[in-house]
Every structure is written in structure tokens, then in C-alpha cells.
Protein backbone atom coordinates (compact mmCIF):
# COMPACT_ATOMS: atom_id res chain seq x y z
CA MET A 1 93.83 131.22 92.69
CA ALA A 2 91.41 128.69 94.21
CA ILE A 3 92.88 125.25 94.91
CA TYR A 4 90.65 122.18 95.20
CA GLU A 5 91.39 118.86 96.89
CA ILE A 6 90.23 115.62 95.30
CA ASN A 7 90.45 111.90 96.02
CA PRO A 8 91.95 110.31 92.88
CA LEU A 9 90.55 106.92 93.84
CA GLN A 10 87.00 108.28 93.71
CA ASP A 11 87.09 111.12 91.18
CA PRO A 12 86.67 109.77 87.61
CA ARG A 13 88.38 112.88 86.22
CA TRP A 14 91.73 111.58 87.49
CA GLY A 15 91.86 108.73 84.99
CA ALA A 16 91.09 111.11 82.13
CA LEU A 17 93.97 113.37 83.20
CA LEU A 18 96.36 110.40 83.18
CA GLU A 19 95.33 109.51 79.63
CA SER A 20 96.03 113.01 78.36
CA HIS A 21 99.07 114.22 80.29
CA PRO A 22 102.51 113.32 78.83
CA GLN A 23 104.19 113.04 82.26
CA ALA A 24 101.69 110.56 83.69
CA SER A 25 103.37 107.30 84.75
CA VAL A 26 102.44 104.02 86.35
CA PHE A 27 103.00 105.69 89.73
CA HIS A 28 100.07 108.07 89.13
CA THR A 29 97.58 105.29 88.42
CA THR A 30 94.70 104.30 90.66
CA GLU A 31 96.16 100.77 90.66
CA TRP A 32 99.36 102.00 92.30
CA LEU A 33 97.46 104.24 94.72
CA GLN A 34 95.08 101.44 95.67
CA SER A 35 98.05 99.15 96.35
CA LEU A 36 99.64 101.75 98.62
CA LYS A 37 96.37 102.12 100.51
CA ASN A 38 95.71 98.39 100.84
CA ALA A 39 99.23 97.44 101.93
CA TYR A 40 100.25 100.44 104.03
CA GLY A 41 97.09 102.44 104.74
CA TYR A 42 98.28 105.53 102.84
CA GLU A 43 95.40 107.78 101.79
CA PRO A 44 95.89 109.57 98.43
CA LEU A 45 95.23 113.27 97.89
CA ALA A 46 95.50 115.42 94.78
CA VAL A 47 95.26 119.21 94.55
CA SER A 48 94.21 121.05 91.41
CA THR A 49 93.11 124.45 90.20
CA CYS A 50 90.15 122.81 88.43
CA ALA A 51 86.81 123.18 90.19
CA PRO A 52 84.47 120.21 90.72
CA GLY A 53 82.56 119.34 87.56
CA ILE A 54 85.28 120.72 85.27
CA ALA A 55 87.71 118.41 83.44
CA LEU A 56 91.08 118.20 85.17
CA THR A 57 93.95 119.85 83.35
CA ASN A 58 96.38 119.66 86.27
CA GLY A 59 96.95 117.80 89.50
CA LEU A 60 99.62 117.41 92.15
CA LEU A 61 99.45 113.98 93.78
CA PHE A 62 100.40 112.99 97.35
CA CYS A 63 99.81 110.28 99.89
CA ARG A 64 99.20 111.05 103.52
CA VAL A 65 101.75 109.04 105.50
CA GLU A 66 100.77 108.96 109.17
CA SER A 67 103.15 107.16 111.49
CA TRP A 68 103.65 107.27 115.25
CA LEU A 69 107.29 106.36 114.58
CA THR A 70 108.30 108.78 111.81
CA GLY A 71 105.57 111.41 111.96
CA ARG A 72 102.86 112.73 109.62
CA ARG A 73 103.87 113.90 106.16
CA PHE A 74 102.79 114.33 102.55
CA VAL A 75 104.84 112.26 100.10
CA SER A 76 104.59 112.28 96.31
CA LEU A 77 104.70 109.29 96.28
CA PRO A 78 105.81 106.62 98.79
CA PHE A 79 107.90 103.78 97.30
CA SER A 80 107.67 105.43 93.88
CA ASP A 81 110.88 106.13 91.99
CA HIS A 82 109.41 109.36 90.64
CA CYS A 83 106.09 111.20 90.44
CA ASP A 84 105.85 114.29 88.27
CA PRO A 85 103.39 117.09 88.98
CA LEU A 86 100.79 116.84 86.21
CA VAL A 87 100.71 120.51 85.34
CA GLU A 88 100.67 122.81 82.33
CA ASP A 89 103.76 124.82 83.28
CA GLN A 90 106.11 125.97 86.05
CA GLN A 91 103.69 128.62 87.30
CA ARG A 92 100.91 126.11 87.85
CA MET A 93 103.25 123.77 89.74
CA ASP A 94 104.40 126.61 92.01
CA GLU A 95 100.79 127.55 92.75
CA LEU A 96 99.94 124.00 93.80
CA LEU A 97 103.15 123.63 95.81
CA GLY A 98 102.39 126.92 97.55
CA HIS A 99 99.03 125.53 98.67
CA MET A 100 100.68 122.39 100.03
CA ARG A 101 103.31 124.46 101.80
CA LYS A 102 100.59 126.37 103.63
CA MET A 103 98.97 123.09 104.67
CA VAL A 104 102.24 122.08 106.33
CA ASP A 105 102.79 125.50 107.92
CA VAL A 106 99.40 125.63 109.66
CA SER A 107 99.11 121.99 110.72
CA THR A 108 100.93 119.16 112.48
CA TRP A 109 102.29 117.69 109.24
CA LYS A 110 106.10 117.54 109.50
CA TYR A 111 106.99 118.07 105.85
CA LEU A 112 106.09 117.36 102.26
CA GLU A 113 108.24 115.69 99.61
CA ILE A 114 108.03 115.65 95.81
CA ARG A 115 109.91 113.50 93.28
CA PRO A 116 109.71 115.24 89.88
CA THR A 117 111.71 114.27 86.79
CA VAL A 118 111.12 117.42 84.74
CA LEU A 119 110.20 120.58 86.66
CA SER A 120 111.76 121.71 89.94
CA PRO A 121 110.35 124.07 92.62
CA ALA A 122 111.13 127.74 92.13
CA ALA A 123 114.12 128.98 94.15
CA GLU A 124 111.96 131.35 96.18
CA ALA A 125 109.59 128.55 97.23
CA ASP A 126 111.96 127.40 100.03
CA TYR A 127 111.99 123.76 98.92
CA VAL A 128 115.32 122.03 99.56
CA ARG A 129 116.93 119.33 97.44
CA ASP A 130 116.97 116.40 99.83
CA ALA A 131 118.44 113.60 97.73
CA ALA A 132 120.01 113.15 94.31
CA TYR A 133 119.52 110.08 92.15
CA CYS A 134 119.67 109.19 88.50
CA LEU A 135 116.87 107.71 86.43
CA HIS A 136 117.49 105.36 83.50
CA ARG A 137 115.20 104.81 80.53
CA LEU A 138 115.72 102.57 77.52
CA ASP A 139 114.32 103.85 74.22
CA LEU A 140 112.45 100.95 72.61
CA ARG A 141 111.76 102.66 69.30
CA LYS A 142 114.89 101.09 67.82
CA SER A 143 114.74 97.70 66.15
CA LYS A 144 115.41 94.57 68.21
CA GLU A 145 118.70 94.10 66.37
CA GLU A 146 119.79 97.69 67.09
CA LEU A 147 118.93 97.27 70.76
CA PHE A 148 120.97 94.07 71.03
CA ARG A 149 123.97 95.68 69.35
CA GLY A 150 123.76 98.48 71.92
CA PHE A 151 124.17 96.05 74.83
CA HIS A 152 127.60 95.75 76.44
CA LYS A 153 129.31 92.82 74.74
CA ASP A 154 130.77 91.22 77.87
CA CYS A 155 128.35 92.29 80.58
CA VAL A 156 125.12 91.71 78.66
CA GLN A 157 125.44 89.98 75.27
CA ARG A 158 127.74 87.27 76.58
CA LYS A 159 125.48 86.61 79.59
CA ILE A 160 122.39 86.29 77.39
CA ARG A 161 124.18 83.68 75.29
CA ARG A 162 125.36 81.91 78.45
CA ALA A 163 121.77 81.70 79.70
CA GLU A 164 120.71 80.21 76.38
CA ARG A 165 123.47 77.59 76.54
CA GLU A 166 122.46 76.72 80.10
CA SER A 167 118.90 76.09 78.84
CA LEU A 168 117.42 78.18 81.62
CA ILE A 169 113.65 77.87 81.87
CA TYR A 170 111.71 81.13 81.53
CA GLN A 171 108.35 81.60 83.24
CA GLU A 172 106.08 84.63 83.46
CA GLY A 173 102.73 85.60 84.95
CA ASN A 174 101.40 86.61 88.37
CA SER A 175 100.46 83.24 89.87
CA GLU A 176 100.94 82.32 93.51
CA GLU A 177 103.76 79.96 92.55
CA LEU A 178 105.66 82.67 90.71
CA LEU A 179 105.11 85.10 93.58
CA THR A 180 106.49 82.51 96.02
CA ASN A 181 109.60 82.00 93.89
CA PHE A 182 110.08 85.75 93.46
CA TYR A 183 109.70 86.48 97.16
CA HIS A 184 112.11 83.72 98.19
CA LEU A 185 114.76 85.26 95.94
CA LEU A 186 113.88 88.77 97.13
CA VAL A 187 114.52 87.84 100.78
CA ARG A 188 117.93 86.42 99.82
CA THR A 189 118.82 89.51 97.80
CA ARG A 190 117.75 91.96 100.47
CA ARG A 191 119.72 90.06 103.10
CA GLY A 192 122.80 90.38 100.89
CA GLN A 193 122.15 94.13 100.73
CA GLY A 194 121.72 94.33 104.50
CA LEU A 195 118.05 95.33 104.21
CA PRO A 196 114.70 93.77 105.13
CA PRO A 197 112.37 92.80 102.25
CA GLN A 198 109.14 94.60 101.47
CA PRO A 199 106.16 92.82 103.06
CA LEU A 200 104.52 90.06 101.05
CA LEU A 201 101.21 91.94 101.42
CA TRP A 202 102.62 94.71 99.25
CA PHE A 203 103.16 92.37 96.32
CA ARG A 204 99.78 90.71 96.78
CA SER A 205 98.21 94.18 96.71
CA LEU A 206 100.04 95.03 93.48
CA ILE A 207 98.90 91.81 91.82
CA ALA A 208 95.29 92.34 92.92
CA ALA A 209 95.28 95.93 91.60
CA PHE A 210 97.24 95.57 88.35
CA GLY A 211 96.18 92.12 87.19
CA ASP A 212 97.78 91.28 83.84
CA ALA A 213 99.55 94.67 83.75
CA LEU A 214 101.93 93.16 86.32
CA LYS A 215 104.29 90.34 85.43
CA ILE A 216 106.64 88.32 87.57
CA ARG A 217 109.37 86.80 85.42
CA VAL A 218 111.40 83.90 86.77
CA ALA A 219 114.45 82.09 85.36
CA CYS A 220 115.04 78.56 86.62
CA LYS A 221 117.87 76.06 86.31
CA GLY A 222 115.88 72.89 86.23
CA LYS A 223 113.41 73.33 89.08
CA VAL A 224 115.57 75.84 90.98
CA PRO A 225 114.63 79.56 90.63
CA VAL A 226 117.82 81.56 90.05
CA ALA A 227 116.56 85.06 89.17
CA SER A 228 113.33 87.05 89.05
CA ILE A 229 112.10 90.52 88.15
CA LEU A 230 108.74 92.28 88.47
CA THR A 231 107.47 94.69 85.81
CA LEU A 232 104.43 96.97 85.48
CA THR A 233 102.89 98.51 82.37
CA HIS A 234 100.97 101.73 81.81
CA ARG A 235 100.01 103.17 78.44
CA GLN A 236 103.06 102.79 76.15
CA SER A 237 105.64 102.32 78.90
CA MET A 238 106.93 99.32 80.81
CA THR A 239 108.50 99.81 84.25
CA TYR A 240 111.05 97.51 85.88
CA LYS A 241 110.33 97.82 89.60
CA TYR A 242 111.94 94.92 91.49
CA GLY A 243 114.68 92.43 90.79
CA CYS A 244 116.35 89.64 92.75
CA SER A 245 118.56 86.62 92.22
CA ASP A 246 120.42 83.77 93.89
CA PRO A 247 124.07 84.91 94.08
CA GLU A 248 125.26 81.31 93.86
CA HIS A 249 123.82 81.08 90.33
CA ASN A 250 124.49 84.58 88.98
CA ARG A 251 127.10 83.20 86.58
CA LEU A 252 124.31 81.43 84.63
CA GLY A 253 123.01 84.71 83.23
CA GLY A 254 119.48 84.48 84.62
CA VAL A 255 119.07 88.23 85.15
CA ALA A 256 120.29 88.97 81.62
CA LEU A 257 117.83 86.46 80.18
CA LEU A 258 114.92 88.04 82.06
CA PHE A 259 115.74 91.56 80.89
CA TRP A 260 116.16 90.42 77.29
CA LYS A 261 112.81 88.61 77.39
CA THR A 262 111.24 91.73 78.89
CA ILE A 263 112.66 93.98 76.18
CA GLN A 264 111.51 91.65 73.42
CA GLU A 265 107.98 91.49 74.85
CA ALA A 266 107.88 95.28 75.20
CA LYS A 267 108.93 95.63 71.56
CA GLN A 268 106.27 93.13 70.48
CA ASN A 269 103.59 95.14 72.30
CA GLU A 270 104.90 98.39 70.77
CA TYR A 271 105.89 100.04 74.04
CA THR A 272 108.08 103.09 73.49
CA ASP A 273 110.30 102.92 76.56
CA LEU A 274 111.44 100.75 79.44
CA ASP A 275 111.75 102.64 82.73
CA LEU A 276 114.63 101.06 84.67
CA GLY A 277 114.01 103.13 87.78
CA ARG A 278 116.18 105.23 90.03
CA SER A 279 119.71 104.57 91.24
CA ASP A 280 121.70 106.25 93.96
CA VAL A 281 124.32 108.39 92.24
CA ASN A 282 126.97 106.74 94.43
CA ASN A 283 125.90 103.21 93.48
CA SER A 284 128.30 102.90 90.55
CA GLY A 285 127.60 99.19 90.10
CA LEU A 286 123.86 99.64 89.62
CA VAL A 287 124.35 102.67 87.37
CA ALA A 288 126.79 100.72 85.19
CA PHE A 289 124.43 97.72 85.03
CA LYS A 290 121.62 99.85 83.59
CA GLU A 291 123.89 101.67 81.16
CA HIS A 292 125.28 98.36 79.90
CA TRP A 293 121.77 97.81 78.49
CA GLY A 294 122.00 101.04 76.51
CA ALA A 295 119.73 103.02 78.84
CA THR A 296 120.01 106.80 79.01
CA ARG A 297 120.71 108.47 82.36
CA TYR A 298 118.66 111.44 83.59
CA PRO A 299 119.13 113.49 86.78
CA LEU A 300 116.48 112.94 89.45
CA SER A 301 116.15 115.05 92.60
CA TYR A 302 113.79 114.74 95.57
CA TRP A 303 112.63 118.00 97.17
CA ARG A 304 111.28 118.68 100.68
CA TYR A 305 109.66 121.48 102.58
CA PRO A 306 110.84 122.14 105.19
CA MET A 307 114.02 120.10 105.37
CA GLN A 308 113.81 117.28 107.90
CA PRO A 309 117.03 116.60 109.79
CA ARG A 310 118.45 113.27 108.66
CA SER A 311 119.02 112.31 112.29
CA LEU A 312 115.23 111.94 112.67
CA ARG A 313 114.95 109.29 109.94
CA ILE A 314 115.12 105.54 110.35
CA PRO A 315 118.77 104.67 109.53
CA LEU A 316 118.09 101.55 107.44
CA LYS A 317 121.35 101.97 105.57
CA ALA A 318 123.58 102.64 108.55
CA GLY A 319 126.55 100.29 108.59
CA PHE A 320 125.73 98.57 111.86
CA VAL A 321 122.09 98.05 110.83
CA GLU A 322 123.13 96.51 107.51
CA ARG A 323 125.48 94.12 109.32
CA ILE A 324 122.68 92.96 111.61
CA PHE A 325 120.25 92.41 108.73
CA SER A 326 122.86 90.59 106.63
CA ARG A 327 123.20 88.00 109.41
CA SER A 328 119.50 87.66 110.24
CA PRO A 329 117.37 84.63 109.32
CA GLY A 330 114.70 85.04 106.66
CA TRP A 331 111.76 84.90 109.07
CA LEU A 332 113.19 87.77 111.10
CA LEU A 333 113.87 89.90 108.03
CA ARG A 334 110.31 89.38 106.82
CA SER A 335 108.92 90.38 110.22
CA VAL A 336 111.07 93.51 110.37
CA GLY A 337 110.02 94.48 106.85
CA THR A 338 106.33 94.00 107.65
CA PHE A 339 106.71 96.28 110.67
CA LEU A 340 108.98 98.97 109.22
CA TYR A 341 107.89 99.72 105.67
CA ARG A 342 104.62 101.43 106.46
CA HIS A 343 106.62 103.91 108.60
CA ILE A 344 109.28 104.77 105.98
CA GLY A 345 107.21 105.45 102.83
């Protein structure tokens, strides 16, 4: 079986495949790929059994991540919660994965990683499950009233009503002012998690690529931003990608207000689902938060070939590293994030 390599940013057939394939998501789009390239320098690559000049019926998407710190590897895709192989069946996926495996075996690439939600590599393909997560999606085909009744009464419904009593101000768009408010809250949130924030350039790249398909939503108490989330849309799906808040004002229900506004807008635009992203299976708090909104949990595994020893990875979540970051000033966290993220995609 002949395998062909294409550049999805230049080949017009890629967009047509995304419009027709049921597993295509916002993470397959040229907007997402262009953002990854502009912010981090990652070059996209897709492999397919379809020869040049023939309409694409399948494609396996990667980015080339080349780092002097963490090595050269193929990732499908960096900073993406999931990225399904766009294939007809298991056999086609295994053929494309076999081609990528040979590319790693005969070159200086350290490994390749895939993040599928549906199909998994065949057992004989020597791919190893590297990490286990869960993915949450909220079905928006119910009525608005049915969705609200499905929310947890104390953890969601009560907080929405609290936000309404507090007269929180809701703003949305992708203006520089909203980005500034979002990023200020993001730095605070990441410090609380013991992690550096993503570089500001990343969010500017997303805004430039997605335009009105990206929204920053901010809840304010008076003139003070208290919570913010960032969403992306593709076809009939909305994706929640980033969220942050001021812990001193969490009691006001700002996050709940933003999610409820998001759900109502998605319903109004006739989107069929809200992708709430991945969660670490051990992060019981985050898992519970998403399920309190009535979202359904799905298993999500990341696969690698060959397995990379964990000792060779940047230990961002090591206890001592988290303690250092949680005590660092904002300017230092931003600098560390700008330096590190391109190496850890």
C-alpha cells in the first residue's frame, strides 16, 4: 500500500476531508494547525493512502516537534485534548500507523504519539498506552429546560442563581481588552495549580486564526474580572478549551454563569455538543465538575511508539516544581511559560 505525505496547510483536499469525516474536530482544522505553527514553530504533516489529485478519504495528522531540550518527535497533536485518525476503518489506521512507525525506526525521531477517542492501535503494532484520561461531552440536543434540570442542584443551579443575584456583568468577544482580562486570570489560576501559563503569543495566534469562531467570555463584579473561559467552534460542535478565575471571588458563581451562557449560545446556534475536554482520571475534582453539568464521560488513551521513559520528560507536575511555581511572581511564570511550552508539546 502506497502512503503519501501532504501538508494540510497547503493541500485544499484537507478541508474537504474535514467537512465529510464524522471524527473531524476543531483540532484537525487549519486554524488550529496554523496557530501551532505561528506560536511554537510546529510543522504539520498528514499521511494518507490517497494519491495526489485524488480526493482524500483518509488522513493521519501529526506535528513535527523539534526541540533541543526534549528531542524530535511526531505528536498528534500538541496541546490538543484529542485528535482522531480520519480513516475508514481499523485496517486503514494500522496501515498509516505502520508507515509512521517505520519513519521513527529509520530516523532520529525519538517517538510518535497519537490521541484517538475511538480507534486504538492493533495489539501487534507495538504501540504502548502512555497515559489515561477521560473526555467529557455534553449533548446539546435536549431542550434548554432539560439541560438545566440535569445540572447538579447545589454545585451548578445554585451557583447560576447566585451569579444572577450578584448582577455579574457578562462580556464576550476576542478583543484585546478581553484577552488581557483572560490572561491576567489565567496567570493567577496557573500559579494556584503550580504551573506556568501558556505564552500570550499562543492566544494571539488562536485569535488571529479563528476570528469569530473563538470567544473569550469574562464575568466581572463591577469592573473587576472574576472568571473567564475560552471556547472554539467547528461545524456543529463547541469546544471549551481554557478556563480561569480569581479564587477570592469564586463564591460569586462567575464560572457557572459563563458556562450557562455558553450552553445557551450553543443551543441558539444549533450546535449538537459541547466538548468539555480531557481530565486526568485521578483529578476527581475536575471530573466531578464536568459531570455536575450533565456531561457524559468517555475513556481517552494516549499511545506512543516506542515508549519514552518518563524520566526523560520535563517534570512540570513534580511536587517540588509545583511548589516553586506556586510562589513565583507573575512575570517569572510568564517567562518560564514562554520558554518551556514549545519544548513540551
